[in-house]
C-alpha atoms as a PDB file:
ATOM      1  CA  MET A   1       4.074  -8.706   0.644  1.00  0.00           C
ATOM      2  CA  SER A   2       2.782  -9.277  -2.833  1.00  0.00           C
ATOM      3  CA  ASP A   3       5.166  -9.381  -5.832  1.00  0.00           C
ATOM      4  CA  LEU A   4       2.477  -8.349  -8.192  1.00  0.00           C
ATOM      5  CA  LYS A   5       3.792  -5.416 -10.249  1.00  0.00           C
ATOM      6  CA  LEU A   6       0.904  -4.551 -12.690  1.00  0.00           C
ATOM      7  CA  GLY A   7       3.062  -3.064 -15.036  1.00  0.00           C
ATOM      8  CA  PHE A   8       4.655  -0.631 -12.641  1.00  0.00           C
ATOM      9  CA  PRO A   9       8.434  -1.077 -12.287  1.00  0.00           C
ATOM     10  CA  GLY A  10       9.332  -1.204  -8.594  1.00  0.00           C
ATOM     11  CA  ILE A  11       5.804  -0.917  -7.388  1.00  0.00           C
ATOM     12  CA  SER A  12       3.873  -3.559  -5.466  1.00  0.00           C
ATOM     13  CA  LEU A  13       0.558  -3.669  -3.848  1.00  0.00           C
ATOM     14  CA  ILE A  14       2.104  -2.645  -0.473  1.00  0.00           C
ATOM     15  CA  ASP A  15       2.664   1.147   0.173  1.00  0.00           C
ATOM     16  CA  ASP A  16       5.736   1.510   2.420  1.00  0.00           C
ATOM     17  CA  GLY A  17       4.722   4.995   3.440  1.00  0.00           C
ATOM     18  CA  ALA A  18       7.674   6.874   1.739  1.00  0.00           C
ATOM     19  CA  ALA A  19       7.096  10.280   0.549  1.00  0.00           C
ATOM     20  CA  ALA A  20       5.314  10.526  -2.811  1.00  0.00           C
ATOM     21  CA  ALA A  21       7.851  12.806  -4.501  1.00  0.00           C
ATOM     22  CA  ALA A  22      11.607  13.024  -4.339  1.00  0.00           C
ATOM     23  CA  PRO A  23      12.987  16.404  -3.096  1.00  0.00           C
ATOM     24  CA  LEU A  24      12.737  19.166  -5.776  1.00  0.00           C
ATOM     25  CA  ALA A  25      16.234  19.563  -6.278  1.00  0.00           C
ATOM     26  CA  ARG A  26      17.576  21.313  -9.564  1.00  0.00           C
ATOM     27  CA  PRO A  27      18.711  18.967 -12.353  1.00  0.00           C
ATOM     28  CA  ALA A  28      22.405  18.444 -12.989  1.00  0.00           C
ATOM     29  CA  ALA A  29      24.159  20.529 -15.424  1.00  0.00           C
ATOM     30  CA  ALA A  30      24.668  17.768 -18.089  1.00  0.00           C
ATOM     31  CA  LEU A  31      21.462  16.126 -19.030  1.00  0.00           C
ATOM     32  CA  THR A  32      20.602  13.570 -21.764  1.00  0.00           C
ATOM     33  CA  GLU A  33      18.463  15.090 -24.366  1.00  0.00           C
ATOM     34  CA  GLY A  34      15.361  13.103 -24.600  1.00  0.00           C
ATOM     35  CA  GLY A  35      13.860  14.569 -27.821  1.00  0.00           C
ATOM     36  CA  HIS A  36      10.962  16.504 -28.690  1.00  0.00           C
ATOM     37  CA  HIS A  37       7.237  15.722 -28.201  1.00  0.00           C
ATOM     38  CA  PRO A  38       4.056  17.555 -29.366  1.00  0.00           C
ATOM     39  CA  ILE A  39       2.627  16.973 -25.985  1.00  0.00           C
ATOM     40  CA  ALA A  40       4.046  16.084 -22.548  1.00  0.00           C
ATOM     41  CA  ILE A  41       1.990  14.895 -19.640  1.00  0.00           C
ATOM     42  CA  VAL A  42       3.129  15.266 -16.087  1.00  0.00           C
ATOM     43  CA  GLY A  43       1.392  12.852 -13.774  1.00  0.00           C
ATOM     44  CA  SER A  44       0.186   9.066 -14.074  1.00  0.00           C
ATOM     45  CA  GLY A  45      -2.969   8.817 -12.309  1.00  0.00           C
ATOM     46  CA  PRO A  46      -6.371   8.463 -14.051  1.00  0.00           C
ATOM     47  CA  SER A  47      -6.164  11.935 -15.515  1.00  0.00           C
ATOM     48  CA  GLY A  48      -2.702  11.717 -16.727  1.00  0.00           C
ATOM     49  CA  LEU A  49      -3.134   8.338 -18.362  1.00  0.00           C
ATOM     50  CA  THR A  50      -6.468   8.994 -19.870  1.00  0.00           C
ATOM     51  CA  ALA A  51      -4.997  12.123 -21.391  1.00  0.00           C
ATOM     52  CA  ALA A  52      -2.078  10.064 -22.717  1.00  0.00           C
ATOM     53  CA  ILE A  53      -4.602   7.522 -24.304  1.00  0.00           C
ATOM     54  CA  TYR A  54      -6.352  10.128 -26.233  1.00  0.00           C
ATOM     55  CA  ALA A  55      -3.321  12.193 -27.120  1.00  0.00           C
ATOM     56  CA  ALA A  56      -1.632   8.795 -28.465  1.00  0.00           C
ATOM     57  CA  ARG A  57      -4.710   7.835 -30.444  1.00  0.00           C
ATOM     58  CA  ALA A  58      -4.482  11.334 -32.012  1.00  0.00           C
ATOM     59  CA  GLY A  59      -0.905  10.542 -33.221  1.00  0.00           C
ATOM     60  CA  LEU A  60       0.695  13.163 -30.719  1.00  0.00           C
ATOM     61  CA  ARG A  61       3.203  10.746 -29.398  1.00  0.00           C
ATOM     62  CA  PRO A  62       2.849  11.834 -25.783  1.00  0.00           C
ATOM     63  CA  LEU A  63       5.444  11.734 -23.113  1.00  0.00           C
ATOM     64  CA  VAL A  64       4.277  10.919 -19.700  1.00  0.00           C
ATOM     65  CA  VAL A  65       6.450  11.875 -16.877  1.00  0.00           C
ATOM     66  CA  ALA A  66       4.995   9.293 -14.178  1.00  0.00           C
ATOM     67  CA  GLY A  67       7.006   9.953 -11.302  1.00  0.00           C
ATOM     68  CA  TYR A  68       9.031   7.447  -9.099  1.00  0.00           C
ATOM     69  CA  ALA A  69       5.679   6.462  -7.433  1.00  0.00           C
ATOM     70  CA  PRO A  70       3.397   6.113 -10.436  1.00  0.00           C
ATOM     71  CA  GLY A  71      -0.229   5.349 -10.565  1.00  0.00           C
ATOM     72  CA  GLY A  72      -1.758   8.100  -8.323  1.00  0.00           C
ATOM     73  CA  GLN A  73      -3.812   7.485  -5.095  1.00  0.00           C
ATOM     74  CA  LEU A  74      -5.512   4.430  -6.716  1.00  0.00           C
ATOM     75  CA  MET A  75      -2.228   2.460  -6.022  1.00  0.00           C
ATOM     76  CA  LEU A  76      -3.068   2.779  -2.440  1.00  0.00           C
ATOM     77  CA  THR A  77      -6.736   1.530  -2.896  1.00  0.00           C
ATOM     78  CA  SER A  78      -7.595  -2.083  -2.656  1.00  0.00           C
ATOM     79  CA  GLU A  79     -11.115  -2.575  -4.343  1.00  0.00           C
ATOM     80  CA  VAL A  80     -12.591  -0.033  -6.503  1.00  0.00           C
ATOM     81  CA  GLU A  81     -16.357  -0.682  -7.144  1.00  0.00           C
ATOM     82  CA  ASN A  82     -17.523   2.543  -8.656  1.00  0.00           C
ATOM     83  CA  PHE A  83     -15.476   2.677 -11.815  1.00  0.00           C
ATOM     84  CA  PRO A  84     -17.520   1.777 -14.692  1.00  0.00           C
ATOM     85  CA  GLY A  85     -17.056  -1.451 -16.780  1.00  0.00           C
ATOM     86  CA  PHE A  86     -16.045  -3.642 -13.762  1.00  0.00           C
ATOM     87  CA  PRO A  87     -19.271  -5.093 -12.156  1.00  0.00           C
ATOM     88  CA  ASP A  88     -17.220  -7.389  -9.774  1.00  0.00           C
ATOM     89  CA  GLY A  89     -14.758  -4.491  -8.899  1.00  0.00           C
ATOM     90  CA  ILE A  90     -11.155  -4.175  -9.525  1.00  0.00           C
ATOM     91  CA  LEU A  91      -8.104  -3.600  -7.493  1.00  0.00           C
ATOM     92  CA  GLY A  92      -6.920  -0.036  -7.580  1.00  0.00           C
ATOM     93  CA  PRO A  93      -3.141  -0.974  -8.784  1.00  0.00           C
ATOM     94  CA  GLU A  94      -4.649  -3.298 -11.345  1.00  0.00           C
ATOM     95  CA  LEU A  95      -6.835  -0.618 -12.779  1.00  0.00           C
ATOM     96  CA  MET A  96      -3.981   1.669 -13.137  1.00  0.00           C
ATOM     97  CA  GLY A  97      -1.763  -0.984 -14.595  1.00  0.00           C
ATOM     98  CA  ARG A  98      -4.386  -1.433 -17.463  1.00  0.00           C
ATOM     99  CA  MET A  99      -4.727   2.163 -17.924  1.00  0.00           C
ATOM    100  CA  ARG A 100      -0.956   2.341 -18.270  1.00  0.00           C
ATOM    101  CA  ASP A 101      -0.716  -0.620 -20.720  1.00  0.00           C
ATOM    102  CA  GLN A 102      -3.471   0.992 -22.731  1.00  0.00           C
ATOM    103  CA  ALA A 103      -1.574   4.316 -23.075  1.00  0.00           C
ATOM    104  CA  ALA A 104       1.572   2.386 -24.058  1.00  0.00           C
ATOM    105  CA  ARG A 105      -0.245   0.394 -26.610  1.00  0.00           C
ATOM    106  CA  PHE A 106      -0.913   3.417 -28.676  1.00  0.00           C
ATOM    107  CA  GLY A 107       2.665   4.770 -28.619  1.00  0.00           C
ATOM    108  CA  THR A 108       2.963   6.637 -25.271  1.00  0.00           C
ATOM    109  CA  GLU A 109       6.422   7.038 -23.865  1.00  0.00           C
ATOM    110  CA  ILE A 110       6.365   6.698 -20.199  1.00  0.00           C
ATOM    111  CA  VAL A 111       9.101   7.758 -17.932  1.00  0.00           C
ATOM    112  CA  ASP A 112       9.067   6.556 -14.194  1.00  0.00           C
ATOM    113  CA  ALA A 113      11.053   9.471 -12.924  1.00  0.00           C
ATOM    114  CA  ASP A 114      10.045  12.632 -10.890  1.00  0.00           C
ATOM    115  CA  LEU A 115      10.004  15.978 -12.810  1.00  0.00           C
ATOM    116  CA  VAL A 116      12.539  18.317 -10.998  1.00  0.00           C
ATOM    117  CA  SER A 117      12.422  21.265 -13.393  1.00  0.00           C
ATOM    118  CA  VAL A 118       9.983  22.912 -15.820  1.00  0.00           C
ATOM    119  CA  ASP A 119      10.498  26.127 -18.010  1.00  0.00           C
ATOM    120  CA  LEU A 120       7.124  27.452 -19.103  1.00  0.00           C
ATOM    121  CA  SER A 121       8.658  30.793 -20.075  1.00  0.00           C
ATOM    122  CA  ALA A 122       9.092  30.115 -23.724  1.00  0.00           C
ATOM    123  CA  ARG A 123       7.960  27.395 -26.305  1.00  0.00           C
ATOM    124  CA  PRO A 124       8.517  24.791 -26.890  1.00  0.00           C
ATOM    125  CA  PHE A 125       8.359  24.056 -23.010  1.00  0.00           C
ATOM    126  CA  ARG A 126      11.335  22.289 -21.352  1.00  0.00           C
ATOM    127  CA  LEU A 127      10.972  19.432 -18.867  1.00  0.00           C
ATOM    128  CA  SER A 128      13.783  17.829 -16.855  1.00  0.00           C
ATOM    129  CA  THR A 129      14.178  15.008 -14.510  1.00  0.00           C
ATOM    130  CA  SER A 130      17.512  14.445 -12.689  1.00  0.00           C
ATOM    131  CA  SER A 131      19.063  12.862 -15.919  1.00  0.00           C
ATOM    132  CA  THR A 132      17.085  13.698 -18.969  1.00  0.00           C
ATOM    133  CA  ALA A 133      15.390  16.794 -20.548  1.00  0.00           C
ATOM    134  CA  TRP A 134      12.673  16.992 -23.174  1.00  0.00           C
ATOM    135  CA  THR A 135      10.733  19.621 -24.982  1.00  0.00           C
ATOM    136  CA  ALA A 136       7.036  19.654 -25.836  1.00  0.00           C
ATOM    137  CA  ASP A 137       4.790  22.112 -27.601  1.00  0.00           C
ATOM    138  CA  ALA A 138       1.850  21.519 -25.306  1.00  0.00           C
ATOM    139  CA  LEU A 139       1.786  20.442 -21.547  1.00  0.00           C
ATOM    140  CA  ILE A 140      -0.906  18.784 -19.412  1.00  0.00           C
ATOM    141  CA  VAL A 141      -0.575  19.134 -15.691  1.00  0.00           C
ATOM    142  CA  ALA A 142      -2.000  16.136 -13.964  1.00  0.00           C
ATOM    143  CA  THR A 143       0.047  15.794 -10.964  1.00  0.00           C
ATOM    144  CA  GLY A 144      -3.025  15.278  -8.619  1.00  0.00           C
ATOM    145  CA  ALA A 145      -3.341  15.864  -4.835  1.00  0.00           C
ATOM    146  CA  SER A 146      -1.988  13.723  -2.129  1.00  0.00           C
ATOM    147  CA  ALA A 147      -4.125  12.989   1.064  1.00  0.00           C
ATOM    148  CA  LEU A 148      -2.467  14.200   4.302  1.00  0.00           C
ATOM    149  CA  TRP A 149      -1.949  11.346   6.744  1.00  0.00           C
ATOM    150  CA  LEU A 150      -1.215  11.054  10.398  1.00  0.00           C
ATOM    151  CA  GLY A 151       2.177   9.849   9.966  1.00  0.00           C
ATOM    152  CA  LEU A 152       1.751   6.673  12.086  1.00  0.00           C
ATOM    153  CA  GLU A 153       3.755   3.385  11.165  1.00  0.00           C
ATOM    154  CA  SER A 154       0.323   1.417  11.870  1.00  0.00           C
ATOM    155  CA  GLU A 155      -1.557   3.758   9.708  1.00  0.00           C
ATOM    156  CA  THR A 156       0.715   3.166   6.766  1.00  0.00           C
ATOM    157  CA  ARG A 157       0.774  -0.465   7.214  1.00  0.00           C
ATOM    158  CA  LEU A 158      -3.090  -0.745   7.250  1.00  0.00           C
ATOM    159  CA  ARG A 159      -3.768   1.492   4.388  1.00  0.00           C
ATOM    160  CA  GLY A 160      -6.139  -0.520   2.113  1.00  0.00           C
ATOM    161  CA  LYS A 161      -6.734  -2.836   5.115  1.00  0.00           C
ATOM    162  CA  GLY A 162      -9.286  -0.653   6.922  1.00  0.00           C
ATOM    163  CA  VAL A 163      -7.495   2.733   6.723  1.00  0.00           C
ATOM    164  CA  SER A 164      -8.840   4.990   3.992  1.00  0.00           C
ATOM    165  CA  ALA A 165      -8.862   8.604   2.950  1.00  0.00           C
ATOM    166  CA  CYS A 166     -11.874   8.468   0.895  1.00  0.00           C
ATOM    167  CA  ALA A 167     -15.384   7.639   2.253  1.00  0.00           C
ATOM    168  CA  THR A 168     -16.971   8.049  -1.207  1.00  0.00           C
ATOM    169  CA  CYS A 169     -14.456   5.276  -2.487  1.00  0.00           C
ATOM    170  CA  ASP A 170     -14.544   2.717   0.458  1.00  0.00           C
ATOM    171  CA  GLY A 171     -17.670   3.496   2.465  1.00  0.00           C
ATOM    172  CA  PHE A 172     -19.605   0.778   0.971  1.00  0.00           C
ATOM    173  CA  PHE A 173     -17.395  -1.870   2.431  1.00  0.00           C
ATOM    174  CA  PHE A 174     -18.245  -1.002   6.055  1.00  0.00           C
ATOM    175  CA  ARG A 175     -21.843  -1.842   5.870  1.00  0.00           C
ATOM    176  CA  ASP A 176     -23.061  -2.476   9.366  1.00  0.00           C
ATOM    177  CA  ARG A 177     -19.580  -1.911  10.852  1.00  0.00           C
ATOM    178  CA  LYS A 178     -18.220   0.648  13.357  1.00  0.00           C
ATOM    179  CA  VAL A 179     -15.863   3.190  11.863  1.00  0.00           C
ATOM    180  CA  ALA A 180     -14.000   6.248  12.841  1.00  0.00           C
ATOM    181  CA  VAL A 181     -13.269   9.512  11.049  1.00  0.00           C
ATOM    182  CA  VAL A 182     -10.468  11.747  12.196  1.00  0.00           C
ATOM    183  CA  GLY A 183     -10.245  15.542  11.327  1.00  0.00           C
ATOM    184  CA  GLY A 184     -12.041  18.810  12.345  1.00  0.00           C
ATOM    185  CA  GLY A 185     -12.953  20.515   9.152  1.00  0.00           C
ATOM    186  CA  ASP A 186     -15.919  20.319   6.614  1.00  0.00           C
ATOM    187  CA  THR A 187     -14.242  17.397   4.930  1.00  0.00           C
ATOM    188  CA  ALA A 188     -14.168  15.332   8.016  1.00  0.00           C
ATOM    189  CA  LEU A 189     -17.764  16.195   8.902  1.00  0.00           C
ATOM    190  CA  GLU A 190     -19.053  15.397   5.297  1.00  0.00           C
ATOM    191  CA  GLU A 191     -17.199  12.095   5.407  1.00  0.00           C
ATOM    192  CA  ALA A 192     -18.721  11.155   8.828  1.00  0.00           C
ATOM    193  CA  SER A 193     -22.216  12.058   7.518  1.00  0.00           C
ATOM    194  CA  TYR A 194     -21.773  10.057   4.474  1.00  0.00           C
ATOM    195  CA  LEU A 195     -20.619   7.016   6.315  1.00  0.00           C
ATOM    196  CA  THR A 196     -23.705   6.790   8.368  1.00  0.00           C
ATOM    197  CA  ARG A 197     -25.371   5.628   5.147  1.00  0.00           C
ATOM    198  CA  PHE A 198     -23.443   2.304   5.666  1.00  0.00           C
ATOM    199  CA  ALA A 199     -21.700   2.040   8.988  1.00  0.00           C
ATOM    200  CA  SER A 200     -23.673   1.175  12.322  1.00  0.00           C
ATOM    201  CA  GLU A 201     -21.761   3.839  14.150  1.00  0.00           C
ATOM    202  CA  VAL A 202     -19.270   6.578  13.326  1.00  0.00           C
ATOM    203  CA  VAL A 203     -16.921   7.893  15.694  1.00  0.00           C
ATOM    204  CA  LEU A 204     -15.776  11.408  15.115  1.00  0.00           C
ATOM    205  CA  ILE A 205     -12.241  12.172  16.477  1.00  0.00           C
ATOM    206  CA  HIS A 206     -10.709  15.709  16.846  1.00  0.00           C
ATOM    207  CA  ARG A 207      -7.638  16.729  18.619  1.00  0.00           C
ATOM    208  CA  ARG A 208      -8.987  20.169  19.705  1.00  0.00           C
ATOM    209  CA  ASP A 209     -11.952  21.029  21.792  1.00  0.00           C
ATOM    210  CA  SER A 210     -14.181  22.417  18.870  1.00  0.00           C
ATOM    211  CA  PHE A 211     -14.382  21.986  15.115  1.00  0.00           C
ATOM    212  CA  ARG A 212     -13.149  24.307  12.498  1.00  0.00           C
ATOM    213  CA  ALA A 213     -15.934  23.323  10.289  1.00  0.00           C
ATOM    214  CA  SER A 214     -18.966  25.403   9.264  1.00  0.00           C
ATOM    215  CA  ARG A 215     -21.627  25.767  11.916  1.00  0.00           C
ATOM    216  CA  ILE A 216     -24.265  23.951   9.802  1.00  0.00           C
ATOM    217  CA  MET A 217     -22.057  20.920   9.196  1.00  0.00           C
ATOM    218  CA  VAL A 218     -21.346  20.810  12.841  1.00  0.00           C
ATOM    219  CA  ASP A 219     -25.021  20.790  13.668  1.00  0.00           C
ATOM    220  CA  ARG A 220     -25.795  18.191  11.290  1.00  0.00           C
ATOM    221  CA  ALA A 221     -23.277  15.804  12.750  1.00  0.00           C
ATOM    222  CA  GLN A 222     -24.431  16.640  16.139  1.00  0.00           C
ATOM    223  CA  GLU A 223     -27.986  15.793  15.380  1.00  0.00           C
ATOM    224  CA  ASN A 224     -27.183  12.586  13.593  1.00  0.00           C
ATOM    225  CA  PRO A 225     -27.754   9.525  15.977  1.00  0.00           C
ATOM    226  CA  LYS A 226     -25.158   7.404  14.104  1.00  0.00           C
ATOM    227  CA  ILE A 227     -22.426   9.957  14.862  1.00  0.00           C
ATOM    228  CA  ARG A 228     -20.461   9.960  18.280  1.00  0.00           C
ATOM    229  CA  MET A 229     -17.851  12.819  18.798  1.00  0.00           C
ATOM    230  CA  ILE A 230     -14.695  12.332  20.897  1.00  0.00           C
ATOM    231  CA  LEU A 231     -12.846  15.738  21.073  1.00  0.00           C
ATOM    232  CA  GLU A 232      -9.475  16.581  22.573  1.00  0.00           C
ATOM    233  CA  THR A 233      -8.332  13.363  21.511  1.00  0.00           C
ATOM    234  CA  GLU A 234      -5.481  12.217  19.139  1.00  0.00           C
ATOM    235  CA  ILE A 235      -4.857   8.678  17.519  1.00  0.00           C
ATOM    236  CA  ALA A 236      -1.801   7.135  19.006  1.00  0.00           C
ATOM    237  CA  GLU A 237      -1.959   3.866  17.207  1.00  0.00           C
ATOM    238  CA  VAL A 238      -4.094   2.045  14.695  1.00  0.00           C
ATOM    239  CA  LEU A 239      -4.549  -1.567  16.059  1.00  0.00           C
ATOM    240  CA  GLY A 240      -4.568  -4.662  13.912  1.00  0.00           C
ATOM    241  CA  GLU A 241      -2.272  -6.947  12.151  1.00  0.00           C
ATOM    242  CA  THR A 242      -3.878  -7.704   8.836  1.00  0.00           C
ATOM    243  CA  ALA A 243      -6.937  -5.502   9.334  1.00  0.00           C
ATOM    244  CA  VAL A 244      -8.096  -2.720  11.436  1.00  0.00           C
ATOM    245  CA  THR A 245      -9.415  -3.900  14.818  1.00  0.00           C
ATOM    246  CA  GLY A 246      -9.459  -0.519  16.836  1.00  0.00           C
ATOM    247  CA  LEU A 247      -7.580   2.456  17.777  1.00  0.00           C
ATOM    248  CA  ARG A 248      -5.535   3.630  20.696  1.00  0.00           C
ATOM    249  CA  LEU A 249      -6.687   7.160  21.576  1.00  0.00           C
ATOM    250  CA  ARG A 250      -4.831   9.495  23.603  1.00  0.00           C
ATOM    251  CA  SER A 251      -6.267  12.608  25.466  1.00  0.00           C
ATOM    252  CA  THR A 252      -4.486  15.862  24.264  1.00  0.00           C
ATOM    253  CA  ARG A 253      -5.435  17.381  27.529  1.00  0.00           C
ATOM    254  CA  THR A 254      -4.376  14.797  30.182  1.00  0.00           C
ATOM    255  CA  GLY A 255      -2.565  12.152  28.116  1.00  0.00           C
ATOM    256  CA  GLU A 256      -4.628   9.474  29.349  1.00  0.00           C
ATOM    257  CA  GLU A 257      -5.137   6.518  26.844  1.00  0.00           C
ATOM    258  CA  GLN A 258      -7.981   4.273  25.843  1.00  0.00           C
ATOM    259  CA  VAL A 259      -8.795   1.790  23.374  1.00  0.00           C
ATOM    260  CA  GLU A 260     -11.801   2.148  21.011  1.00  0.00           C
ATOM    261  CA  PRO A 261     -12.784  -1.140  19.243  1.00  0.00           C
ATOM    262  CA  LEU A 262     -13.794  -0.576  15.540  1.00  0.00           C
ATOM    263  CA  ASP A 263     -13.326  -1.852  12.029  1.00  0.00           C
ATOM    264  CA  GLY A 264     -12.129   1.036   9.941  1.00  0.00           C
ATOM    265  CA  LEU A 265     -10.427   4.579   9.986  1.00  0.00           C
ATOM    266  CA  PHE A 266     -10.987   7.340   7.576  1.00  0.00           C
ATOM    267  CA  VAL A 267      -8.364  10.077   7.630  1.00  0.00           C
ATOM    268  CA  ALA A 268      -9.811  13.521   6.732  1.00  0.00           C
ATOM    269  CA  ILE A 269      -7.335  15.915   7.743  1.00  0.00           C
ATOM    270  CA  GLY A 270      -6.822  17.518   4.313  1.00  0.00           C
ATOM    271  CA  TYR A 271      -5.125  17.150   0.846  1.00  0.00           C
ATOM    272  CA  ARG A 272      -2.054  18.754  -0.556  1.00  0.00           C
ATOM    273  CA  PRO A 273      -2.150  19.652  -4.249  1.00  0.00           C
ATOM    274  CA  ASN A 274       1.195  18.609  -5.998  1.00  0.00           C
ATOM    275  CA  THR A 275       1.680  22.105  -7.637  1.00  0.00           C
ATOM    276  CA  GLU A 276       5.151  22.830  -6.243  1.00  0.00           C
ATOM    277  CA  LEU A 277       6.984  23.124  -9.573  1.00  0.00           C
ATOM    278  CA  PHE A 278       4.128  25.124 -11.276  1.00  0.00           C
ATOM    279  CA  ARG A 279       3.226  27.875  -8.629  1.00  0.00           C
ATOM    280  CA  GLU A 280       5.665  30.321 -10.070  1.00  0.00           C
ATOM    281  CA  ARG A 281       4.143  30.372 -13.579  1.00  0.00           C
ATOM    282  CA  LEU A 282       0.523  29.109 -13.067  1.00  0.00           C
ATOM    283  CA  GLU A 283      -2.190  30.642 -11.037  1.00  0.00           C
ATOM    284  CA  VAL A 284      -3.254  28.889  -7.770  1.00  0.00           C
ATOM    285  CA  ASP A 285      -6.183  29.429  -5.496  1.00  0.00           C
ATOM    286  CA  GLU A 286      -6.147  30.071  -1.827  1.00  0.00           C
ATOM    287  CA  LYS A 287      -5.886  26.355  -1.059  1.00  0.00           C
ATOM    288  CA  GLY A 288      -2.966  25.916  -3.350  1.00  0.00           C
ATOM    289  CA  TYR A 289      -4.896  24.192  -6.241  1.00  0.00           C
ATOM    290  CA  LEU A 290      -4.352  25.151  -9.977  1.00  0.00           C
ATOM    291  CA  VAL A 291      -6.815  27.536 -11.321  1.00  0.00           C
ATOM    292  CA  VAL A 292      -8.627  26.424 -14.517  1.00  0.00           C
ATOM    293  CA  ARG A 293      -9.885  28.728 -17.265  1.00  0.00           C
ATOM    294  CA  ASP A 294     -12.377  27.635 -19.794  1.00  0.00           C
ATOM    295  CA  GLU A 295     -12.648  23.937 -18.756  1.00  0.00           C
ATOM    296  CA  THR A 296      -8.802  22.870 -18.978  1.00  0.00           C
ATOM    297  CA  SER A 297      -6.797  25.830 -19.812  1.00  0.00           C
ATOM    298  CA  SER A 298      -4.435  27.705 -17.553  1.00  0.00           C
ATOM    299  CA  ALA A 299      -2.812  31.402 -17.496  1.00  0.00           C
ATOM    300  CA  VAL A 300      -0.071  29.935 -19.745  1.00  0.00           C
ATOM    301  CA  GLU A 301      -1.046  29.290 -23.432  1.00  0.00           C
ATOM    302  CA  GLY A 302      -0.488  25.827 -24.304  1.00  0.00           C
ATOM    303  CA  VAL A 303      -0.558  24.553 -20.833  1.00  0.00           C
ATOM    304  CA  PHE A 304      -3.587  22.485 -19.734  1.00  0.00           C
ATOM    305  CA  ILE A 305      -4.801  21.236 -16.304  1.00  0.00           C
ATOM    306  CA  ALA A 306      -6.664  17.935 -15.596  1.00  0.00           C
ATOM    307  CA  GLY A 307      -7.726  16.093 -12.370  1.00  0.00           C
ATOM    308  CA  ASP A 308      -7.263  16.494  -8.705  1.00  0.00           C
ATOM    309  CA  VAL A 309      -4.432  19.032  -8.987  1.00  0.00           C
ATOM    310  CA  HIS A 310      -7.312  21.630  -9.524  1.00  0.00           C
ATOM    311  CA  ASP A 311     -10.431  19.663  -8.291  1.00  0.00           C
ATOM    312  CA  HIS A 312     -10.967  19.773  -4.544  1.00  0.00           C
ATOM    313  CA  ARG A 313     -14.657  19.034  -4.861  1.00  0.00           C
ATOM    314  CA  TYR A 314     -15.205  15.640  -6.448  1.00  0.00           C
ATOM    315  CA  ARG A 315     -11.657  13.898  -6.212  1.00  0.00           C
ATOM    316  CA  GLN A 316     -12.884  10.675  -7.932  1.00  0.00           C
ATOM    317  CA  ALA A 317     -11.142   8.429 -10.462  1.00  0.00           C
ATOM    318  CA  ILE A 318     -13.770   8.820 -12.912  1.00  0.00           C
ATOM    319  CA  THR A 319     -13.909  12.655 -12.842  1.00  0.00           C
ATOM    320  CA  ALA A 320     -10.142  12.757 -12.910  1.00  0.00           C
ATOM    321  CA  ALA A 321     -10.245  10.558 -16.045  1.00  0.00           C
ATOM    322  CA  ALA A 322     -12.938  12.791 -17.697  1.00  0.00           C
ATOM    323  CA  ASP A 323     -10.598  15.769 -17.026  1.00  0.00           C
ATOM    324  CA  GLY A 324      -7.753  13.970 -18.793  1.00  0.00           C
ATOM    325  CA  CYS A 325      -9.974  13.316 -21.851  1.00  0.00           C
ATOM    326  CA  LYS A 326     -11.009  17.076 -21.965  1.00  0.00           C
ATOM    327  CA  ALA A 327      -7.464  18.256 -21.553  1.00  0.00           C
ATOM    328  CA  ALA A 328      -6.282  15.999 -24.175  1.00  0.00           C
ATOM    329  CA  ILE A 329      -8.766  17.122 -26.758  1.00  0.00           C
ATOM    330  CA  ASP A 330      -8.210  20.788 -25.933  1.00  0.00           C
ATOM    331  CA  ALA A 331      -4.434  20.337 -26.400  1.00  0.00           C
ATOM    332  CA  GLU A 332      -5.045  18.536 -29.612  1.00  0.00           C
ATOM    333  CA  ARG A 333      -7.289  21.248 -30.999  1.00  0.00           C
ATOM    334  CA  TRP A 334      -4.910  23.885 -29.674  1.00  0.00           C
ATOM    335  CA  LEU A 335      -1.924  22.174 -31.447  1.00  0.00           C
ATOM    336  CA  GLU A 336      -3.916  21.909 -34.674  1.00  0.00           C
ATOM    337  CA  ALA A 337      -4.967  25.597 -34.704  1.00  0.00           C
ATOM    338  CA  ARG A 338      -1.369  26.684 -34.000  1.00  0.00           C
ATOM    339  CA  ALA A 339      -0.156  24.514 -37.132  1.00  0.00           C
ATOM    340  CA  HIS A 340      -2.538  26.263 -39.255  1.00  0.00           C
ATOM    341  CA  GLY A 341      -1.547  29.687 -38.098  1.00  0.00           C
ATOM    342  CA  ALA A 342      -5.011  30.327 -36.554  1.00  0.00           C
ATOM    343  CA  ASP A 343      -5.489  31.890 -33.077  1.00  0.00           C
ATOM    344  CA  PRO A 344      -5.459  28.621 -30.835  1.00  0.00           C
ATOM    345  CA  ARG A 345      -7.217  30.583 -28.051  1.00  0.00           C
END
């Protein structure tokens, strides 16, 4: 296990598969008052840290409640080659460490703890961890979305070593190799089709006897000579010690097992937006993602939204960062208008 910390207390390059967030218990009665900030940001992925950089450079003294597992999904990504400015690529945790250092350089206060309570019923807004409470005039929600995983020990151990949840991010590394995609919805079939640009063969695995994806997506996959489908089958184990070498598959109908040699596994069984603390006050869509109004605004005046917590279309680090920039600028303008007695809307 690497001891490289990259600016994240308690975080190494190896993910242990633990839950991303602590249970949402209510805070204790006696909390330390952490003070007031013009702007608070919840989340420390590309959107949250980019928002912090912009807000800090504007002199807004932002507070970032980063969580106990800070850095977002890039902390589970090995090589990032599609983020501008790094022609030789960069490790995901290193990229997030640099963003964090940049935000701190301009005066951002970063707290590595989970938010357990937020009160948006009145301004200033009140945010609490299990030990400390702060108030803020404006809030940026950048809590992201978490990929759903199969829950296998071997899958967790090999994340970033052949196991991925993002074909757009990692497909390039599997040129002329055989890979698998697991899932039965549109996302899984889109990932499988995308991977045929690089892989020599894509094995599409689904536990049921038919796909829940749209008919057009199924037809396209069936017509693609690089895609082979294995239905009524689940993954029992991801094989390999230091890299993926294959899958042990189990029939959901007969229980019979077989080994499928391959070099990579893409898990495409969905995402869970991290919106639990905000659903009572902010609008969510049918998939549970926050609803954005006018670029970054929300249903609550003074609350802004950025990144994958609302974006279930692109889910890229660069688009999340762009969202963070927009949210910070919108929040700054809202605060300025409010300070001068103008209608901030």
